[in-house]
N, C-alpha and C. Protein backbone atom coordinates (compact mmCIF):
# COMPACT_ATOMS: atom_id res chain seq x y z
N MET A 1 0.84 -1.18 0.00
CA MET A 1 0.00 0.00 0.00
C MET A 1 0.89 1.24 0.00
N TRP A 2 0.43 2.25 -0.71
CA TRP A 2 1.22 3.47 -0.86
C TRP A 2 0.32 4.68 -0.63
N ALA A 3 0.86 5.73 -0.01
CA ALA A 3 0.06 6.92 0.28
C ALA A 3 0.90 8.18 0.07
N ARG A 4 0.22 9.22 -0.38
CA ARG A 4 0.82 10.54 -0.54
C ARG A 4 -0.19 11.58 -0.08
N ALA A 5 0.28 12.65 0.54
CA ALA A 5 -0.61 13.74 0.96
C ALA A 5 0.18 15.03 0.95
N GLY A 6 -0.54 16.14 0.80
CA GLY A 6 0.14 17.43 0.78
C GLY A 6 -0.84 18.57 0.95
N SER A 7 -0.29 19.77 1.01
CA SER A 7 -1.09 20.98 1.19
C SER A 7 -0.29 22.17 0.70
N PRO A 8 -0.97 23.21 0.18
CA PRO A 8 -0.26 24.43 -0.19
C PRO A 8 0.36 25.13 1.02
N CYS A 9 -0.18 24.83 2.23
CA CYS A 9 0.35 25.49 3.43
C CYS A 9 0.33 24.52 4.59
N GLY A 10 1.49 24.18 5.12
CA GLY A 10 1.57 23.26 6.24
C GLY A 10 1.25 21.83 5.82
N ARG A 11 0.87 21.00 6.79
CA ARG A 11 0.53 19.61 6.51
C ARG A 11 -0.91 19.47 6.04
N GLY A 12 -1.77 20.40 6.41
CA GLY A 12 -3.15 20.37 5.93
C GLY A 12 -4.02 19.38 6.66
N GLY A 13 -5.26 19.23 6.17
CA GLY A 13 -6.26 18.43 6.84
C GLY A 13 -6.62 17.14 6.14
N ASP A 14 -5.83 16.70 5.17
CA ASP A 14 -6.08 15.44 4.47
C ASP A 14 -5.07 14.39 4.94
N ARG A 15 -5.58 13.18 5.20
CA ARG A 15 -4.71 12.11 5.65
C ARG A 15 -4.97 10.84 4.84
N ALA A 16 -3.91 10.10 4.57
CA ALA A 16 -4.01 8.80 3.90
C ALA A 16 -3.02 7.87 4.57
N LEU A 17 -3.50 6.74 5.08
CA LEU A 17 -2.59 5.85 5.78
C LEU A 17 -2.98 4.40 5.61
N ALA A 18 -1.96 3.56 5.61
CA ALA A 18 -2.12 2.11 5.63
C ALA A 18 -1.89 1.65 7.06
N ILE A 19 -2.75 0.74 7.52
CA ILE A 19 -2.70 0.29 8.91
C ILE A 19 -2.54 -1.23 8.93
N ASP A 20 -1.44 -1.71 9.48
CA ASP A 20 -1.22 -3.14 9.68
C ASP A 20 -1.47 -3.45 11.14
N CYS A 21 -2.52 -4.22 11.40
CA CYS A 21 -2.91 -4.53 12.78
C CYS A 21 -2.20 -5.77 13.30
N PRO A 22 -2.13 -5.92 14.63
CA PRO A 22 -1.47 -7.10 15.21
C PRO A 22 -2.10 -8.42 14.76
N ASP A 23 -3.41 -8.42 14.44
CA ASP A 23 -4.06 -9.66 14.00
C ASP A 23 -3.85 -9.93 12.52
N GLU A 24 -2.97 -9.14 11.89
CA GLU A 24 -2.58 -9.28 10.50
C GLU A 24 -3.62 -8.75 9.51
N ASN A 25 -4.70 -8.14 10.01
CA ASN A 25 -5.61 -7.44 9.10
C ASN A 25 -4.92 -6.19 8.59
N ARG A 26 -5.23 -5.83 7.35
CA ARG A 26 -4.64 -4.64 6.72
C ARG A 26 -5.77 -3.68 6.37
N PHE A 27 -5.64 -2.45 6.83
CA PHE A 27 -6.67 -1.44 6.60
C PHE A 27 -6.08 -0.25 5.83
N VAL A 28 -6.97 0.44 5.12
CA VAL A 28 -6.61 1.73 4.53
C VAL A 28 -7.61 2.76 5.04
N PHE A 29 -7.10 3.95 5.31
CA PHE A 29 -7.94 5.03 5.82
C PHE A 29 -7.54 6.33 5.14
N VAL A 30 -8.53 7.02 4.59
CA VAL A 30 -8.31 8.32 3.95
C VAL A 30 -9.37 9.28 4.50
N ALA A 31 -8.95 10.46 4.95
CA ALA A 31 -9.88 11.42 5.54
C ALA A 31 -9.56 12.83 5.05
N ASP A 32 -10.60 13.65 5.02
CA ASP A 32 -10.49 15.04 4.57
C ASP A 32 -11.30 15.91 5.51
N VAL A 33 -10.60 16.66 6.36
CA VAL A 33 -11.26 17.57 7.28
C VAL A 33 -11.60 18.87 6.55
N ALA A 34 -12.82 19.36 6.74
CA ALA A 34 -13.23 20.61 6.11
C ALA A 34 -12.29 21.73 6.53
N GLY A 35 -11.94 22.58 5.59
CA GLY A 35 -10.96 23.62 5.83
C GLY A 35 -9.65 23.24 5.18
N ARG A 36 -8.66 24.06 5.36
CA ARG A 36 -7.38 23.77 4.73
C ARG A 36 -6.24 24.30 5.58
N GLY A 37 -5.05 23.81 5.28
CA GLY A 37 -3.86 24.32 5.93
C GLY A 37 -3.75 23.93 7.40
N ARG A 38 -3.05 24.76 8.15
CA ARG A 38 -2.70 24.42 9.52
C ARG A 38 -3.91 24.28 10.44
N GLY A 39 -4.97 25.01 10.17
CA GLY A 39 -6.14 24.94 11.02
C GLY A 39 -6.81 23.58 11.02
N ALA A 40 -6.56 22.79 9.98
CA ALA A 40 -7.18 21.47 9.88
C ALA A 40 -6.24 20.34 10.33
N GLU A 41 -5.01 20.66 10.70
CA GLU A 41 -4.02 19.63 11.03
C GLU A 41 -4.42 18.83 12.26
N ARG A 42 -4.78 19.51 13.34
CA ARG A 42 -5.06 18.80 14.59
C ARG A 42 -6.26 17.87 14.46
N PRO A 43 -7.40 18.31 13.94
CA PRO A 43 -8.51 17.36 13.79
C PRO A 43 -8.19 16.22 12.82
N ALA A 44 -7.39 16.47 11.81
CA ALA A 44 -7.02 15.40 10.89
C ALA A 44 -6.12 14.38 11.58
N ASP A 45 -5.19 14.84 12.40
CA ASP A 45 -4.34 13.92 13.16
C ASP A 45 -5.18 13.09 14.13
N PHE A 46 -6.18 13.73 14.74
CA PHE A 46 -7.08 13.01 15.65
C PHE A 46 -7.77 11.87 14.93
N LEU A 47 -8.32 12.13 13.75
CA LEU A 47 -9.01 11.09 13.00
C LEU A 47 -8.07 9.94 12.64
N ALA A 48 -6.88 10.28 12.18
CA ALA A 48 -5.92 9.23 11.78
C ALA A 48 -5.54 8.36 12.98
N ASP A 49 -5.23 8.99 14.11
CA ASP A 49 -4.83 8.23 15.30
C ASP A 49 -5.99 7.39 15.83
N ALA A 50 -7.20 7.97 15.84
CA ALA A 50 -8.36 7.24 16.36
C ALA A 50 -8.72 6.07 15.45
N ALA A 51 -8.66 6.27 14.15
CA ALA A 51 -8.97 5.19 13.21
C ALA A 51 -8.01 4.02 13.42
N ARG A 52 -6.74 4.32 13.56
CA ARG A 52 -5.74 3.26 13.78
C ARG A 52 -6.06 2.49 15.07
N LEU A 53 -6.39 3.21 16.13
CA LEU A 53 -6.68 2.58 17.41
C LEU A 53 -7.91 1.68 17.31
N LEU A 54 -8.97 2.16 16.68
CA LEU A 54 -10.22 1.42 16.62
C LEU A 54 -10.10 0.13 15.83
N VAL A 55 -9.49 0.20 14.65
CA VAL A 55 -9.42 -1.02 13.83
C VAL A 55 -8.44 -2.02 14.42
N CYS A 56 -7.39 -1.54 15.09
CA CYS A 56 -6.44 -2.47 15.71
C CYS A 56 -7.03 -3.12 16.96
N GLN A 57 -8.15 -2.58 17.46
CA GLN A 57 -8.87 -3.22 18.56
C GLN A 57 -9.91 -4.20 18.04
N GLY A 58 -9.98 -4.38 16.72
CA GLY A 58 -10.88 -5.36 16.15
C GLY A 58 -12.23 -4.83 15.70
N MET A 59 -12.40 -3.52 15.67
CA MET A 59 -13.68 -2.95 15.29
C MET A 59 -13.87 -3.01 13.77
N GLY A 60 -15.08 -3.33 13.32
CA GLY A 60 -15.39 -3.36 11.90
C GLY A 60 -15.42 -1.96 11.31
N VAL A 61 -15.38 -1.87 9.98
CA VAL A 61 -15.24 -0.57 9.33
C VAL A 61 -16.45 0.33 9.57
N ALA A 62 -17.67 -0.21 9.51
CA ALA A 62 -18.85 0.62 9.71
C ALA A 62 -18.94 1.12 11.15
N THR A 63 -18.72 0.22 12.10
CA THR A 63 -18.77 0.61 13.51
C THR A 63 -17.66 1.60 13.84
N ALA A 64 -16.50 1.41 13.23
CA ALA A 64 -15.39 2.35 13.46
C ALA A 64 -15.76 3.75 12.97
N LEU A 65 -16.39 3.86 11.81
CA LEU A 65 -16.79 5.18 11.32
C LEU A 65 -17.85 5.81 12.22
N GLU A 66 -18.78 5.01 12.73
CA GLU A 66 -19.78 5.54 13.65
C GLU A 66 -19.11 6.10 14.90
N THR A 67 -18.16 5.35 15.43
CA THR A 67 -17.44 5.80 16.63
C THR A 67 -16.61 7.04 16.33
N LEU A 68 -15.95 7.05 15.19
CA LEU A 68 -15.18 8.23 14.80
C LEU A 68 -16.06 9.46 14.67
N SER A 69 -17.22 9.29 14.07
CA SER A 69 -18.12 10.42 13.86
C SER A 69 -18.56 11.04 15.19
N LEU A 70 -18.93 10.18 16.14
CA LEU A 70 -19.37 10.68 17.44
C LEU A 70 -18.22 11.36 18.18
N ALA A 71 -17.03 10.75 18.14
CA ALA A 71 -15.88 11.34 18.83
C ALA A 71 -15.47 12.66 18.18
N PHE A 72 -15.49 12.69 16.86
CA PHE A 72 -15.11 13.91 16.15
C PHE A 72 -16.08 15.05 16.48
N GLY A 73 -17.38 14.73 16.48
CA GLY A 73 -18.37 15.75 16.83
C GLY A 73 -18.21 16.24 18.25
N HIS A 74 -17.82 15.34 19.14
CA HIS A 74 -17.65 15.72 20.55
C HIS A 74 -16.45 16.65 20.75
N TYR A 75 -15.32 16.28 20.16
CA TYR A 75 -14.10 17.05 20.39
C TYR A 75 -13.93 18.24 19.45
N PHE A 76 -14.57 18.18 18.29
CA PHE A 76 -14.40 19.26 17.31
C PHE A 76 -15.77 19.71 16.80
N GLY A 77 -16.66 19.99 17.73
CA GLY A 77 -18.03 20.39 17.39
C GLY A 77 -18.04 21.55 16.40
N GLY A 78 -18.89 21.44 15.38
CA GLY A 78 -18.97 22.48 14.35
C GLY A 78 -18.11 22.18 13.14
N ARG A 79 -17.22 21.19 13.25
CA ARG A 79 -16.41 20.79 12.11
C ARG A 79 -16.93 19.48 11.57
N PHE A 80 -16.58 19.18 10.33
CA PHE A 80 -16.98 17.90 9.75
C PHE A 80 -15.86 17.41 8.84
N ALA A 81 -15.96 16.14 8.47
CA ALA A 81 -14.91 15.52 7.64
C ALA A 81 -15.52 14.39 6.85
N SER A 82 -14.92 14.10 5.72
CA SER A 82 -15.26 12.89 4.97
C SER A 82 -14.18 11.85 5.24
N ALA A 83 -14.54 10.57 5.07
CA ALA A 83 -13.55 9.51 5.32
C ALA A 83 -13.93 8.25 4.57
N PHE A 84 -12.91 7.48 4.20
CA PHE A 84 -13.07 6.16 3.60
C PHE A 84 -12.22 5.19 4.39
N LEU A 85 -12.83 4.06 4.79
CA LEU A 85 -12.12 3.07 5.59
C LEU A 85 -12.39 1.69 5.00
N ALA A 86 -11.33 0.91 4.80
CA ALA A 86 -11.49 -0.43 4.22
C ALA A 86 -10.52 -1.40 4.86
N CYS A 87 -10.97 -2.65 4.95
CA CYS A 87 -10.12 -3.76 5.37
C CYS A 87 -9.85 -4.63 4.14
N ILE A 88 -8.58 -4.90 3.85
CA ILE A 88 -8.21 -5.71 2.69
C ILE A 88 -7.67 -7.05 3.19
N CYS A 89 -8.42 -8.10 2.92
CA CYS A 89 -8.04 -9.43 3.39
C CYS A 89 -7.05 -10.07 2.42
N ASP A 90 -6.37 -11.11 2.89
CA ASP A 90 -5.36 -11.78 2.07
C ASP A 90 -5.95 -12.38 0.79
N ASP A 91 -7.24 -12.77 0.83
CA ASP A 91 -7.86 -13.35 -0.36
C ASP A 91 -8.37 -12.30 -1.34
N GLY A 92 -8.13 -11.01 -1.03
CA GLY A 92 -8.53 -9.94 -1.90
C GLY A 92 -9.88 -9.32 -1.58
N THR A 93 -10.61 -9.88 -0.61
CA THR A 93 -11.88 -9.29 -0.21
C THR A 93 -11.64 -7.91 0.40
N VAL A 94 -12.44 -6.94 -0.01
CA VAL A 94 -12.35 -5.58 0.52
C VAL A 94 -13.67 -5.25 1.22
N ALA A 95 -13.62 -5.11 2.54
CA ALA A 95 -14.78 -4.67 3.31
C ALA A 95 -14.61 -3.18 3.57
N TRP A 96 -15.58 -2.36 3.14
CA TRP A 96 -15.37 -0.92 3.18
C TRP A 96 -16.63 -0.18 3.60
N ALA A 97 -16.42 1.04 4.07
CA ALA A 97 -17.51 1.97 4.37
C ALA A 97 -16.98 3.38 4.11
N SER A 98 -17.88 4.28 3.77
CA SER A 98 -17.48 5.63 3.37
C SER A 98 -18.39 6.67 4.02
N ALA A 99 -17.77 7.66 4.65
CA ALA A 99 -18.50 8.74 5.29
C ALA A 99 -18.49 9.97 4.39
N GLY A 100 -19.43 10.01 3.44
CA GLY A 100 -19.55 11.16 2.56
C GLY A 100 -18.32 11.46 1.73
N HIS A 101 -17.48 10.44 1.50
CA HIS A 101 -16.20 10.65 0.83
C HIS A 101 -16.34 10.49 -0.68
N PRO A 102 -15.51 11.19 -1.47
CA PRO A 102 -15.51 10.95 -2.92
C PRO A 102 -15.31 9.47 -3.21
N ASP A 103 -15.92 9.01 -4.29
CA ASP A 103 -15.85 7.58 -4.63
C ASP A 103 -14.41 7.09 -4.71
N ALA A 104 -14.14 5.98 -4.03
CA ALA A 104 -12.90 5.26 -4.28
C ALA A 104 -13.08 4.45 -5.57
N LEU A 105 -11.98 4.03 -6.16
CA LEU A 105 -12.03 3.28 -7.42
C LEU A 105 -11.24 1.99 -7.28
N ILE A 106 -11.79 0.92 -7.80
CA ILE A 106 -11.00 -0.29 -8.04
C ILE A 106 -10.80 -0.38 -9.55
N VAL A 107 -9.57 -0.18 -9.99
CA VAL A 107 -9.25 -0.25 -11.41
C VAL A 107 -8.91 -1.70 -11.73
N ARG A 108 -9.72 -2.29 -12.60
CA ARG A 108 -9.57 -3.71 -12.91
C ARG A 108 -8.47 -3.95 -13.93
N ALA A 109 -7.85 -5.12 -13.84
CA ALA A 109 -6.80 -5.48 -14.78
C ALA A 109 -7.32 -5.52 -16.21
N GLU A 110 -8.64 -5.78 -16.37
CA GLU A 110 -9.23 -5.86 -17.71
C GLU A 110 -9.49 -4.49 -18.32
N GLY A 111 -9.32 -3.40 -17.52
CA GLY A 111 -9.49 -2.06 -18.07
C GLY A 111 -10.73 -1.33 -17.60
N GLU A 112 -11.63 -2.00 -16.89
CA GLU A 112 -12.80 -1.33 -16.33
C GLU A 112 -12.46 -0.80 -14.93
N HIS A 113 -13.42 -0.07 -14.34
CA HIS A 113 -13.23 0.32 -12.94
C HIS A 113 -14.57 0.30 -12.22
N GLU A 114 -14.49 0.10 -10.91
CA GLU A 114 -15.66 0.01 -10.04
C GLU A 114 -15.62 1.17 -9.06
N HIS A 115 -16.78 1.83 -8.87
CA HIS A 115 -16.89 2.92 -7.91
C HIS A 115 -17.31 2.37 -6.54
N LEU A 116 -16.64 2.83 -5.49
CA LEU A 116 -17.03 2.52 -4.11
C LEU A 116 -17.51 3.83 -3.50
N GLY A 117 -18.84 4.01 -3.48
CA GLY A 117 -19.41 5.30 -3.11
C GLY A 117 -19.72 5.44 -1.63
N ALA A 118 -20.23 6.62 -1.27
CA ALA A 118 -20.54 6.92 0.13
C ALA A 118 -21.61 5.98 0.65
N SER A 119 -21.44 5.53 1.90
CA SER A 119 -22.41 4.64 2.53
C SER A 119 -22.96 5.22 3.83
N GLY A 120 -22.76 6.51 4.01
CA GLY A 120 -23.25 7.17 5.21
C GLY A 120 -22.83 8.63 5.20
N PRO A 121 -23.25 9.40 6.21
CA PRO A 121 -23.02 10.85 6.23
C PRO A 121 -21.59 11.23 6.59
N LEU A 122 -21.28 12.49 6.42
CA LEU A 122 -20.00 13.03 6.85
C LEU A 122 -19.79 12.81 8.34
N LEU A 123 -18.54 12.73 8.74
CA LEU A 123 -18.22 12.58 10.15
C LEU A 123 -18.50 13.87 10.91
N GLY A 124 -19.04 13.73 12.13
CA GLY A 124 -19.23 14.88 13.00
C GLY A 124 -20.50 15.66 12.79
N VAL A 125 -21.40 15.17 11.94
CA VAL A 125 -22.60 15.94 11.60
C VAL A 125 -23.81 15.52 12.43
N PHE A 126 -24.03 14.20 12.58
CA PHE A 126 -25.23 13.71 13.24
C PHE A 126 -24.91 13.05 14.59
N ARG A 127 -25.93 13.05 15.48
CA ARG A 127 -25.76 12.44 16.79
C ARG A 127 -25.92 10.93 16.74
N ASP A 128 -26.58 10.42 15.71
CA ASP A 128 -26.77 8.97 15.60
C ASP A 128 -26.38 8.50 14.20
N PRO A 129 -25.11 8.65 13.85
CA PRO A 129 -24.68 8.30 12.49
C PRO A 129 -24.76 6.80 12.24
N SER A 130 -25.05 6.43 11.02
CA SER A 130 -25.11 5.03 10.64
C SER A 130 -24.41 4.85 9.31
N TYR A 131 -23.60 3.80 9.21
CA TYR A 131 -22.84 3.52 8.00
C TYR A 131 -23.05 2.06 7.60
N ARG A 132 -23.08 1.83 6.31
CA ARG A 132 -23.27 0.49 5.77
C ARG A 132 -21.94 -0.08 5.32
N GLU A 133 -21.63 -1.28 5.78
CA GLU A 133 -20.43 -1.97 5.31
C GLU A 133 -20.75 -2.70 4.02
N SER A 134 -19.93 -2.52 3.01
CA SER A 134 -20.08 -3.21 1.73
C SER A 134 -18.82 -3.99 1.45
N SER A 135 -18.89 -4.85 0.47
CA SER A 135 -17.70 -5.64 0.13
C SER A 135 -17.49 -5.69 -1.37
N SER A 136 -16.25 -5.77 -1.74
CA SER A 136 -15.86 -5.93 -3.13
C SER A 136 -14.64 -6.85 -3.12
N ALA A 137 -13.94 -6.90 -4.25
CA ALA A 137 -12.79 -7.80 -4.32
C ALA A 137 -11.67 -7.17 -5.14
N LEU A 138 -10.46 -7.37 -4.66
CA LEU A 138 -9.27 -7.02 -5.41
C LEU A 138 -8.68 -8.30 -5.98
N HIS A 139 -8.62 -8.39 -7.31
CA HIS A 139 -8.02 -9.55 -7.96
C HIS A 139 -6.58 -9.22 -8.36
N ASP A 140 -5.83 -10.21 -8.77
CA ASP A 140 -4.48 -9.96 -9.24
C ASP A 140 -4.50 -8.94 -10.38
N GLY A 141 -3.66 -7.93 -10.26
CA GLY A 141 -3.59 -6.90 -11.29
C GLY A 141 -4.51 -5.72 -11.06
N ASP A 142 -5.43 -5.82 -10.08
CA ASP A 142 -6.33 -4.70 -9.77
C ASP A 142 -5.62 -3.69 -8.87
N LEU A 143 -6.13 -2.47 -8.85
CA LEU A 143 -5.56 -1.42 -8.01
C LEU A 143 -6.70 -0.63 -7.37
N LEU A 144 -6.67 -0.52 -6.05
CA LEU A 144 -7.60 0.35 -5.31
C LEU A 144 -6.98 1.73 -5.20
N VAL A 145 -7.73 2.76 -5.60
CA VAL A 145 -7.26 4.14 -5.52
C VAL A 145 -8.29 4.97 -4.75
N VAL A 146 -7.82 5.66 -3.72
CA VAL A 146 -8.68 6.53 -2.91
C VAL A 146 -8.04 7.92 -2.89
N THR A 147 -8.83 8.93 -3.19
CA THR A 147 -8.33 10.31 -3.18
C THR A 147 -9.27 11.19 -2.36
N THR A 148 -8.84 12.40 -2.07
CA THR A 148 -9.72 13.39 -1.46
C THR A 148 -10.15 14.39 -2.53
N ASP A 149 -11.09 15.28 -2.17
CA ASP A 149 -11.63 16.18 -3.19
C ASP A 149 -10.63 17.26 -3.62
N GLY A 150 -9.51 17.36 -2.88
CA GLY A 150 -8.47 18.27 -3.35
C GLY A 150 -7.88 17.80 -4.66
N VAL A 151 -7.97 16.50 -4.95
CA VAL A 151 -7.48 15.96 -6.22
C VAL A 151 -8.49 16.20 -7.33
N SER A 152 -9.75 15.87 -7.11
CA SER A 152 -10.76 16.07 -8.16
C SER A 152 -10.99 17.55 -8.44
N ASP A 153 -10.66 18.42 -7.48
CA ASP A 153 -10.79 19.87 -7.69
C ASP A 153 -9.55 20.50 -8.32
N ALA A 154 -8.53 19.70 -8.63
CA ALA A 154 -7.32 20.24 -9.25
C ALA A 154 -7.66 20.89 -10.58
N LEU A 155 -6.98 21.99 -10.88
CA LEU A 155 -7.28 22.78 -12.07
C LEU A 155 -6.34 22.44 -13.22
N LEU A 156 -6.93 22.34 -14.42
CA LEU A 156 -6.15 22.17 -15.63
C LEU A 156 -5.80 23.53 -16.23
N ASP A 157 -5.00 23.52 -17.28
CA ASP A 157 -4.55 24.77 -17.89
C ASP A 157 -5.71 25.64 -18.37
N ASP A 158 -6.82 25.01 -18.78
CA ASP A 158 -7.95 25.79 -19.29
C ASP A 158 -8.88 26.28 -18.19
N GLY A 159 -8.51 26.04 -16.93
CA GLY A 159 -9.30 26.52 -15.81
C GLY A 159 -10.39 25.57 -15.34
N THR A 160 -10.56 24.45 -16.01
CA THR A 160 -11.56 23.47 -15.58
C THR A 160 -10.95 22.52 -14.55
N ARG A 161 -11.82 21.91 -13.78
CA ARG A 161 -11.37 20.95 -12.78
C ARG A 161 -11.29 19.57 -13.40
N ILE A 162 -10.39 18.72 -12.89
CA ILE A 162 -10.26 17.41 -13.51
C ILE A 162 -11.47 16.53 -13.21
N GLY A 163 -12.11 16.73 -12.05
CA GLY A 163 -13.32 16.02 -11.73
C GLY A 163 -13.11 14.51 -11.57
N GLU A 164 -14.24 13.79 -11.43
CA GLU A 164 -14.17 12.34 -11.23
C GLU A 164 -13.59 11.63 -12.45
N ARG A 165 -13.90 12.14 -13.64
CA ARG A 165 -13.38 11.49 -14.85
C ARG A 165 -11.87 11.63 -14.92
N GLY A 166 -11.35 12.79 -14.54
CA GLY A 166 -9.91 12.98 -14.54
C GLY A 166 -9.21 12.09 -13.53
N VAL A 167 -9.84 11.92 -12.35
CA VAL A 167 -9.29 11.02 -11.35
C VAL A 167 -9.24 9.59 -11.90
N ALA A 168 -10.32 9.18 -12.57
CA ALA A 168 -10.35 7.83 -13.14
C ALA A 168 -9.29 7.66 -14.23
N ARG A 169 -9.12 8.66 -15.08
CA ARG A 169 -8.09 8.57 -16.13
C ARG A 169 -6.70 8.42 -15.51
N CYS A 170 -6.47 9.18 -14.46
CA CYS A 170 -5.17 9.13 -13.79
C CYS A 170 -4.97 7.75 -13.15
N ALA A 171 -6.02 7.21 -12.52
CA ALA A 171 -5.92 5.91 -11.88
C ALA A 171 -5.63 4.81 -12.90
N HIS A 172 -6.29 4.87 -14.06
CA HIS A 172 -6.04 3.89 -15.11
C HIS A 172 -4.60 4.00 -15.62
N ALA A 173 -4.11 5.23 -15.71
CA ALA A 173 -2.77 5.45 -16.25
C ALA A 173 -1.69 4.83 -15.37
N VAL A 174 -1.96 4.69 -14.07
CA VAL A 174 -0.92 4.19 -13.16
C VAL A 174 -1.24 2.78 -12.65
N ARG A 175 -2.25 2.13 -13.22
CA ARG A 175 -2.65 0.82 -12.70
C ARG A 175 -1.50 -0.19 -12.69
N ASP A 176 -0.65 -0.13 -13.69
CA ASP A 176 0.42 -1.11 -13.81
C ASP A 176 1.74 -0.64 -13.21
N ALA A 177 1.72 0.50 -12.51
CA ALA A 177 2.96 1.00 -11.90
C ALA A 177 3.46 -0.02 -10.87
N ALA A 178 4.65 -0.53 -11.09
CA ALA A 178 5.17 -1.60 -10.23
C ALA A 178 5.56 -1.08 -8.86
N ARG A 179 6.04 0.15 -8.80
CA ARG A 179 6.50 0.72 -7.55
C ARG A 179 5.76 2.03 -7.28
N ASP A 180 5.16 2.11 -6.12
CA ASP A 180 4.52 3.33 -5.63
C ASP A 180 3.51 3.93 -6.63
N PRO A 181 2.40 3.26 -6.89
CA PRO A 181 1.39 3.83 -7.79
C PRO A 181 0.78 5.13 -7.27
N ALA A 182 0.79 5.34 -5.94
CA ALA A 182 0.29 6.61 -5.42
C ALA A 182 1.21 7.75 -5.86
N GLY A 183 2.52 7.53 -5.77
CA GLY A 183 3.46 8.53 -6.26
C GLY A 183 3.35 8.73 -7.75
N ALA A 184 3.14 7.62 -8.49
CA ALA A 184 2.97 7.72 -9.94
C ALA A 184 1.71 8.49 -10.28
N PHE A 185 0.66 8.33 -9.47
CA PHE A 185 -0.58 9.08 -9.67
C PHE A 185 -0.33 10.58 -9.57
N VAL A 186 0.37 10.98 -8.51
CA VAL A 186 0.65 12.41 -8.32
C VAL A 186 1.54 12.93 -9.44
N TYR A 187 2.55 12.14 -9.84
CA TYR A 187 3.43 12.54 -10.93
C TYR A 187 2.64 12.72 -12.22
N HIS A 188 1.71 11.80 -12.49
CA HIS A 188 0.90 11.91 -13.71
C HIS A 188 0.00 13.14 -13.64
N LEU A 189 -0.52 13.42 -12.45
CA LEU A 189 -1.40 14.58 -12.27
C LEU A 189 -0.65 15.87 -12.58
N PHE A 190 0.54 15.99 -12.02
CA PHE A 190 1.33 17.20 -12.24
C PHE A 190 1.95 17.25 -13.63
N GLY A 191 2.43 16.07 -14.10
CA GLY A 191 3.18 16.03 -15.34
C GLY A 191 2.31 15.95 -16.57
N ALA A 192 1.76 14.77 -16.85
CA ALA A 192 0.99 14.56 -18.08
C ALA A 192 -0.25 15.44 -18.13
N MET A 193 -0.94 15.60 -16.98
CA MET A 193 -2.18 16.39 -16.99
C MET A 193 -1.94 17.87 -16.69
N ARG A 194 -0.75 18.18 -16.16
CA ARG A 194 -0.37 19.56 -15.86
C ARG A 194 -1.39 20.25 -14.96
N ALA A 195 -1.88 19.51 -13.98
CA ALA A 195 -2.88 20.03 -13.06
C ALA A 195 -2.23 20.83 -11.93
N ARG A 196 -2.99 21.73 -11.35
CA ARG A 196 -2.55 22.52 -10.21
C ARG A 196 -3.40 22.15 -9.00
N LEU A 197 -2.74 21.78 -7.91
CA LEU A 197 -3.43 21.42 -6.68
C LEU A 197 -3.42 22.63 -5.75
N ASP A 198 -4.57 23.27 -5.58
CA ASP A 198 -4.66 24.48 -4.76
C ASP A 198 -5.24 24.21 -3.38
N ASP A 199 -5.61 22.97 -3.08
CA ASP A 199 -6.22 22.62 -1.82
C ASP A 199 -5.41 21.48 -1.18
N ASP A 200 -5.71 21.18 0.08
CA ASP A 200 -5.12 19.99 0.69
C ASP A 200 -5.54 18.76 -0.13
N TRP A 201 -4.69 17.75 -0.16
CA TRP A 201 -5.00 16.58 -1.00
C TRP A 201 -4.34 15.33 -0.43
N ALA A 202 -4.90 14.18 -0.81
CA ALA A 202 -4.29 12.90 -0.41
C ALA A 202 -4.64 11.86 -1.45
N VAL A 203 -3.72 10.93 -1.66
CA VAL A 203 -3.91 9.80 -2.59
C VAL A 203 -3.41 8.54 -1.90
N LEU A 204 -4.20 7.48 -1.97
CA LEU A 204 -3.77 6.18 -1.48
C LEU A 204 -4.02 5.13 -2.54
N ALA A 205 -3.08 4.21 -2.72
CA ALA A 205 -3.22 3.12 -3.68
C ALA A 205 -2.87 1.81 -2.98
N ALA A 206 -3.61 0.76 -3.30
CA ALA A 206 -3.38 -0.52 -2.64
C ALA A 206 -3.65 -1.67 -3.61
N ARG A 207 -2.87 -2.73 -3.46
CA ARG A 207 -3.10 -3.99 -4.17
C ARG A 207 -3.34 -5.09 -3.13
N ARG A 208 -3.81 -6.23 -3.57
CA ARG A 208 -3.99 -7.35 -2.65
C ARG A 208 -2.64 -7.87 -2.20
N ALA A 209 -2.61 -8.40 -1.01
CA ALA A 209 -1.35 -8.92 -0.46
C ALA A 209 -0.87 -10.11 -1.28
N GLY A 210 0.45 -10.26 -1.35
CA GLY A 210 1.01 -11.40 -2.05
C GLY A 210 1.09 -11.21 -3.53
């Protein structure tokens, strides 16, 4: 699993991390705290640390997002965040849930891609949040790509945003990258697409184990 994140100012409020738990489960977590720059750093760090703690205690992805949402609302009332959380099993099964986050993509080896969309509300908004756990599969040659909206909002030379289609094009372009497809994604975004990232952003890419 590979992750990249950045911001025009400071570390920003977007996080992407791979989590290897003691029970050998492997998780990916991507979050985007509303706002940008240094003001979003502390709540973003809270979400990343809390997500790691919850899944390493054996909590499922949907329950973990519910717990994160309540804790985030308690400690950072008035703020909200989107998040994507998934467990990737050794057999390629992906159990995932999404809190109002931009669609994750599974880019298939055959050239198609699958959208993994939101399954519940943004974190920190409701007192009784509920999230649905869904499942998909990563086969040999497939690539899971998760980004924040700072990527889909990146500007091209003509002033338009790359949008979901641009994210998908970029993901397809780096599907076969042998080393660090997340880094290759960012390189393709800046290089081939000549996009400008004016907001906090994060990219995570993952393949099945083995």
